[in-house]
C-alpha atoms as a PDB file:
ATOM      1  CA  MET A   1     -70.108-226.900 161.022  1.00  0.00           C
ATOM      2  CA  SER A   2     -68.644-229.474 163.359  1.00  0.00           C
ATOM      3  CA  SER A   3     -67.447-228.526 166.810  1.00  0.00           C
ATOM      4  CA  ALA A   4     -63.759-228.035 167.476  1.00  0.00           C
ATOM      5  CA  TYR A   5     -64.463-228.612 171.171  1.00  0.00           C
ATOM      6  CA  VAL A   6     -67.185-230.704 172.737  1.00  0.00           C
ATOM      7  CA  GLY A   7     -67.682-231.263 176.441  1.00  0.00           C
ATOM      8  CA  ASN A   8     -70.231-232.840 178.738  1.00  0.00           C
ATOM      9  CA  ALA A   9     -70.359-231.409 182.242  1.00  0.00           C
ATOM     10  CA  VAL A  10     -71.580-233.359 185.247  1.00  0.00           C
ATOM     11  CA  ASP A  11     -70.626-230.687 187.805  1.00  0.00           C
ATOM     12  CA  GLY A  12     -69.592-227.225 186.728  1.00  0.00           C
ATOM     13  CA  GLN A  13     -69.471-223.545 187.500  1.00  0.00           C
ATOM     14  CA  LEU A  14     -70.303-220.990 184.812  1.00  0.00           C
ATOM     15  CA  THR A  15     -69.384-217.360 185.507  1.00  0.00           C
ATOM     16  CA  VAL A  16     -69.848-214.316 183.281  1.00  0.00           C
ATOM     17  CA  SER A  17     -68.359-210.951 184.253  1.00  0.00           C
ATOM     18  CA  ASP A  18     -67.912-207.405 183.014  1.00  0.00           C
ATOM     19  CA  ASP A  19     -64.953-205.035 183.410  1.00  0.00           C
ATOM     20  CA  SER A  20     -66.400-203.259 186.462  1.00  0.00           C
ATOM     21  CA  GLY A  21     -66.201-206.425 188.586  1.00  0.00           C
ATOM     22  CA  LYS A  22     -69.835-207.444 188.292  1.00  0.00           C
ATOM     23  CA  SER A  23     -70.311-211.178 187.810  1.00  0.00           C
ATOM     24  CA  TYR A  24     -73.020-213.803 187.769  1.00  0.00           C
ATOM     25  CA  THR A  25     -72.429-217.482 188.546  1.00  0.00           C
ATOM     26  CA  PHE A  26     -74.420-220.627 187.847  1.00  0.00           C
ATOM     27  CA  PHE A  27     -73.389-223.462 190.238  1.00  0.00           C
ATOM     28  CA  GLY A  28     -73.831-227.216 189.921  1.00  0.00           C
ATOM     29  CA  PHE A  29     -74.057-226.985 186.152  1.00  0.00           C
ATOM     30  CA  MET A  30     -74.805-230.179 184.197  1.00  0.00           C
ATOM     31  CA  GLY A  31     -75.011-230.164 180.413  1.00  0.00           C
ATOM     32  CA  ASP A  32     -73.084-229.701 177.195  1.00  0.00           C
ATOM     33  CA  ALA A  33     -70.549-227.218 175.864  1.00  0.00           C
ATOM     34  CA  SER A  34     -69.232-226.761 172.353  1.00  0.00           C
ATOM     35  CA  VAL A  35     -67.013-224.376 170.410  1.00  0.00           C
ATOM     36  CA  THR A  36     -67.452-224.001 166.652  1.00  0.00           C
ATOM     37  CA  GLY A  37     -65.571-221.916 164.115  1.00  0.00           C
ATOM     38  CA  LEU A  38     -62.225-222.230 165.890  1.00  0.00           C
ATOM     39  CA  LEU A  39     -59.331-221.581 163.489  1.00  0.00           C
ATOM     40  CA  PRO A  40     -55.565-221.335 164.047  1.00  0.00           C
ATOM     41  CA  ASP A  41     -54.827-218.117 165.967  1.00  0.00           C
ATOM     42  CA  GLY A  42     -58.432-217.066 165.288  1.00  0.00           C
ATOM     43  CA  ARG A  43     -57.710-216.170 161.676  1.00  0.00           C
ATOM     44  CA  GLN A  44     -59.016-217.309 158.298  1.00  0.00           C
ATOM     45  CA  ALA A  45     -56.566-218.377 155.609  1.00  0.00           C
ATOM     46  CA  ALA A  46     -55.912-215.758 152.921  1.00  0.00           C
ATOM     47  CA  VAL A  47     -54.951-217.756 149.852  1.00  0.00           C
ATOM     48  CA  GLY A  48     -53.229-215.954 146.970  1.00  0.00           C
ATOM     49  CA  GLU A  49     -53.537-217.379 143.476  1.00  0.00           C
ATOM     50  CA  VAL A  50     -52.155-216.565 140.052  1.00  0.00           C
ATOM     51  CA  ARG A  51     -53.778-218.286 137.081  1.00  0.00           C
ATOM     52  CA  GLY A  52     -55.209-221.011 139.333  1.00  0.00           C
ATOM     53  CA  ALA A  53     -51.920-221.777 141.101  1.00  0.00           C
ATOM     54  CA  VAL A  54     -51.628-221.135 144.836  1.00  0.00           C
ATOM     55  CA  ILE A  55     -48.712-218.786 145.419  1.00  0.00           C
ATOM     56  CA  SER A  56     -49.213-217.803 149.077  1.00  0.00           C
ATOM     57  CA  VAL A  57     -51.127-218.656 152.216  1.00  0.00           C
ATOM     58  CA  ARG A  58     -51.213-216.012 154.925  1.00  0.00           C
ATOM     59  CA  LYS A  59     -53.203-215.255 158.050  1.00  0.00           C
ATOM     60  CA  GLY A  60     -56.215-213.251 156.943  1.00  0.00           C
ATOM     61  CA  ALA A  61     -59.352-211.799 158.490  1.00  0.00           C
ATOM     62  CA  ARG A  62     -60.368-212.668 162.032  1.00  0.00           C
ATOM     63  CA  ALA A  63     -62.666-215.617 162.556  1.00  0.00           C
ATOM     64  CA  PHE A  64     -64.834-215.379 165.653  1.00  0.00           C
ATOM     65  CA  PRO A  65     -65.630-218.747 167.248  1.00  0.00           C
ATOM     66  CA  GLU A  66     -69.008-219.412 168.829  1.00  0.00           C
ATOM     67  CA  ILE A  67     -69.435-220.963 172.264  1.00  0.00           C
ATOM     68  CA  THR A  68     -72.672-222.756 173.122  1.00  0.00           C
ATOM     69  CA  ILE A  69     -73.471-223.981 176.635  1.00  0.00           C
ATOM     70  CA  ASN A  70     -76.761-225.750 177.420  1.00  0.00           C
ATOM     71  CA  GLY A  71     -77.869-227.527 180.557  1.00  0.00           C
ATOM     72  CA  ALA A  72     -79.261-227.366 184.035  1.00  0.00           C
ATOM     73  CA  CYS A  73     -77.904-225.832 187.221  1.00  0.00           C
ATOM     74  CA  ARG A  74     -78.752-226.542 190.839  1.00  0.00           C
ATOM     75  CA  ARG A  75     -78.012-223.167 192.332  1.00  0.00           C
ATOM     76  CA  ILE A  76     -77.706-219.581 191.202  1.00  0.00           C
ATOM     77  CA  ILE A  77     -76.533-216.421 192.876  1.00  0.00           C
ATOM     78  CA  GLY A  78     -79.220-213.772 192.452  1.00  0.00           C
ATOM     79  CA  ASP A  79     -81.975-214.326 189.937  1.00  0.00           C
ATOM     80  CA  ALA A  80     -82.445-214.697 186.197  1.00  0.00           C
ATOM     81  CA  THR A  81     -83.194-210.987 185.818  1.00  0.00           C
ATOM     82  CA  GLU A  82     -79.717-210.123 187.136  1.00  0.00           C
ATOM     83  CA  ALA A  83     -78.058-212.626 184.793  1.00  0.00           C
ATOM     84  CA  LYS A  84     -79.943-211.313 181.786  1.00  0.00           C
ATOM     85  CA  ALA A  85     -79.117-207.702 182.680  1.00  0.00           C
ATOM     86  CA  LEU A  86     -75.404-208.492 182.963  1.00  0.00           C
ATOM     87  CA  LEU A  87     -75.252-210.587 179.778  1.00  0.00           C
ATOM     88  CA  LEU A  88     -77.039-207.911 177.754  1.00  0.00           C
ATOM     89  CA  GLY A  89     -75.156-204.966 179.244  1.00  0.00           C
ATOM     90  CA  LEU A  90     -78.179-203.607 181.121  1.00  0.00           C
ATOM     91  CA  ALA A  91     -76.899-204.044 184.692  1.00  0.00           C
ATOM     92  CA  SER A  92     -76.459-200.873 186.712  1.00  0.00           C
ATOM     93  CA  GLY A  93     -72.845-199.715 186.371  1.00  0.00           C
ATOM     94  CA  PHE A  94     -72.093-202.252 183.609  1.00  0.00           C
ATOM     95  CA  THR A  95     -68.748-201.783 181.862  1.00  0.00           C
ATOM     96  CA  SER A  96     -68.327-203.728 178.641  1.00  0.00           C
ATOM     97  CA  THR A  97     -65.147-205.761 178.212  1.00  0.00           C
ATOM     98  CA  VAL A  98     -64.752-204.079 174.804  1.00  0.00           C
ATOM     99  CA  ALA A  99     -65.368-200.517 176.074  1.00  0.00           C
ATOM    100  CA  ASP A 100     -61.874-199.540 174.919  1.00  0.00           C
ATOM    101  CA  ILE A 101     -62.832-200.140 171.262  1.00  0.00           C
ATOM    102  CA  GLY A 102     -66.566-199.496 171.109  1.00  0.00           C
ATOM    103  CA  ASP A 103     -69.919-199.317 172.825  1.00  0.00           C
ATOM    104  CA  TYR A 104     -71.297-202.854 172.350  1.00  0.00           C
ATOM    105  CA  ALA A 105     -72.032-205.004 175.420  1.00  0.00           C
ATOM    106  CA  ALA A 106     -69.518-207.830 175.890  1.00  0.00           C
ATOM    107  CA  VAL A 107     -68.590-210.062 178.832  1.00  0.00           C
ATOM    108  CA  ASP A 108     -65.899-212.528 179.860  1.00  0.00           C
ATOM    109  CA  LEU A 109     -66.772-216.216 180.290  1.00  0.00           C
ATOM    110  CA  ASP A 110     -65.227-218.715 182.720  1.00  0.00           C
ATOM    111  CA  PHE A 111     -66.664-222.238 182.610  1.00  0.00           C
ATOM    112  CA  SER A 112     -64.946-224.954 184.618  1.00  0.00           C
ATOM    113  CA  TYR A 113     -66.451-228.392 185.040  1.00  0.00           C
ATOM    114  CA  VAL A 114     -65.874-232.050 185.717  1.00  0.00           C
ATOM    115  CA  GLY A 115     -66.253-234.100 182.549  1.00  0.00           C
ATOM    116  CA  ALA A 116     -68.705-236.957 182.079  1.00  0.00           C
ATOM    117  CA  THR A 117     -66.069-239.548 183.026  1.00  0.00           C
ATOM    118  CA  GLY A 118     -65.723-237.839 186.398  1.00  0.00           C
ATOM    119  CA  ASP A 119     -61.933-237.879 186.374  1.00  0.00           C
ATOM    120  CA  THR A 120     -61.145-234.866 184.211  1.00  0.00           C
ATOM    121  CA  THR A 121     -61.575-231.183 184.986  1.00  0.00           C
ATOM    122  CA  ARG A 122     -62.214-229.118 181.863  1.00  0.00           C
ATOM    123  CA  HIS A 123     -62.097-225.365 181.428  1.00  0.00           C
ATOM    124  CA  ILE A 124     -63.267-222.802 178.865  1.00  0.00           C
ATOM    125  CA  LEU A 125     -61.951-219.275 179.359  1.00  0.00           C
ATOM    126  CA  ALA A 126     -63.042-216.679 176.793  1.00  0.00           C
ATOM    127  CA  GLN A 127     -62.762-212.899 176.844  1.00  0.00           C
ATOM    128  CA  ASP A 128     -64.728-210.201 175.070  1.00  0.00           C
ATOM    129  CA  CYS A 129     -67.795-212.324 174.263  1.00  0.00           C
ATOM    130  CA  ILE A 130     -70.958-210.992 172.667  1.00  0.00           C
ATOM    131  CA  VAL A 131     -74.107-212.809 173.713  1.00  0.00           C
ATOM    132  CA  THR A 132     -76.069-213.959 170.660  1.00  0.00           C
ATOM    133  CA  ALA A 133     -78.675-216.006 172.559  1.00  0.00           C
ATOM    134  CA  PHE A 134     -79.639-216.462 176.212  1.00  0.00           C
ATOM    135  CA  ASP A 135     -82.507-218.437 177.720  1.00  0.00           C
ATOM    136  CA  PHE A 136     -83.013-219.156 181.398  1.00  0.00           C
ATOM    137  CA  THR A 137     -85.889-221.052 182.981  1.00  0.00           C
ATOM    138  CA  GLU A 138     -86.284-221.296 186.721  1.00  0.00           C
ATOM    139  CA  GLY A 139     -87.548-224.663 187.882  1.00  0.00           C
ATOM    140  CA  ASP A 140     -87.687-227.043 190.799  1.00  0.00           C
ATOM    141  CA  PRO A 141     -85.348-228.764 191.464  1.00  0.00           C
ATOM    142  CA  MET A 142     -83.237-227.532 188.500  1.00  0.00           C
ATOM    143  CA  ASN A 143     -82.954-224.342 186.483  1.00  0.00           C
ATOM    144  CA  THR A 144     -82.154-224.586 182.767  1.00  0.00           C
ATOM    145  CA  VAL A 145     -79.664-222.382 180.936  1.00  0.00           C
ATOM    146  CA  ALA A 146     -78.923-222.011 177.226  1.00  0.00           C
ATOM    147  CA  ILE A 147     -76.324-219.438 176.225  1.00  0.00           C
ATOM    148  CA  THR A 148     -74.528-218.783 172.950  1.00  0.00           C
ATOM    149  CA  LEU A 149     -71.693-216.277 172.673  1.00  0.00           C
ATOM    150  CA  GLN A 150     -69.375-215.064 169.933  1.00  0.00           C
ATOM    151  CA  CYS A 151     -65.802-214.722 171.195  1.00  0.00           C
ATOM    152  CA  LEU A 152     -63.905-211.634 169.998  1.00  0.00           C
ATOM    153  CA  GLY A 153     -60.918-211.921 172.320  1.00  0.00           C
ATOM    154  CA  PRO A 154     -58.466-214.444 173.723  1.00  0.00           C
ATOM    155  CA  MET A 155     -59.661-218.028 174.210  1.00  0.00           C
ATOM    156  CA  THR A 156     -58.198-220.878 176.234  1.00  0.00           C
ATOM    157  CA  LEU A 157     -59.626-224.407 176.176  1.00  0.00           C
ATOM    158  CA  ASP A 158     -58.456-226.911 178.798  1.00  0.00           C
ATOM    159  CA  GLY A 159     -55.271-224.908 179.425  1.00  0.00           C
ATOM    160  CA  THR A 160     -54.273-224.494 175.762  1.00  0.00           C
ATOM    161  CA  THR A 161     -54.406-220.988 174.321  1.00  0.00           C
ATOM    162  CA  TYR A 162     -56.012-221.051 170.886  1.00  0.00           C
ATOM    163  CA  ILE A 163     -56.444-217.317 170.407  1.00  0.00           C
ATOM    164  CA  ALA A 164     -53.833-215.222 172.191  1.00  0.00           C
ATOM    165  CA  ALA A 165     -55.111-211.688 171.635  1.00  0.00           C
ATOM    166  CA  ARG A 166     -58.024-209.632 170.394  1.00  0.00           C
END
């Protein structure tokens, strides 16, 4: 599947947070971001047919886009153990962003960065995200981060709202 959104960050800030106010931030982020599976209003097309003829096209089942962010960061607040605990819902006092509808761990994502050309600020804002993969390696002078999330809630890319509600 091709990406509906592709970005290359040369200086960014990636923050994940829960509903209790806990957050974790990666500073000085450099790397790539992509969004796949993005459909109009976050819905699949429900096509109605009669004897092979299309008779209707309506908004159907939800489609949940996937956000992938990979790269290196210069500075972190806390350590990788804290980030992992928050992303997986294991942090002390963690409150999932989907606690009102279930018991699965979910977080909000805020990723703002300067693009590769250096003249454009880009922004991914996604709510109610389930982490499907997370890898963090501490290194000197850079730490590496790879995170993949499935977005269940509202999503805004570079100021344009693509999915307005859960």
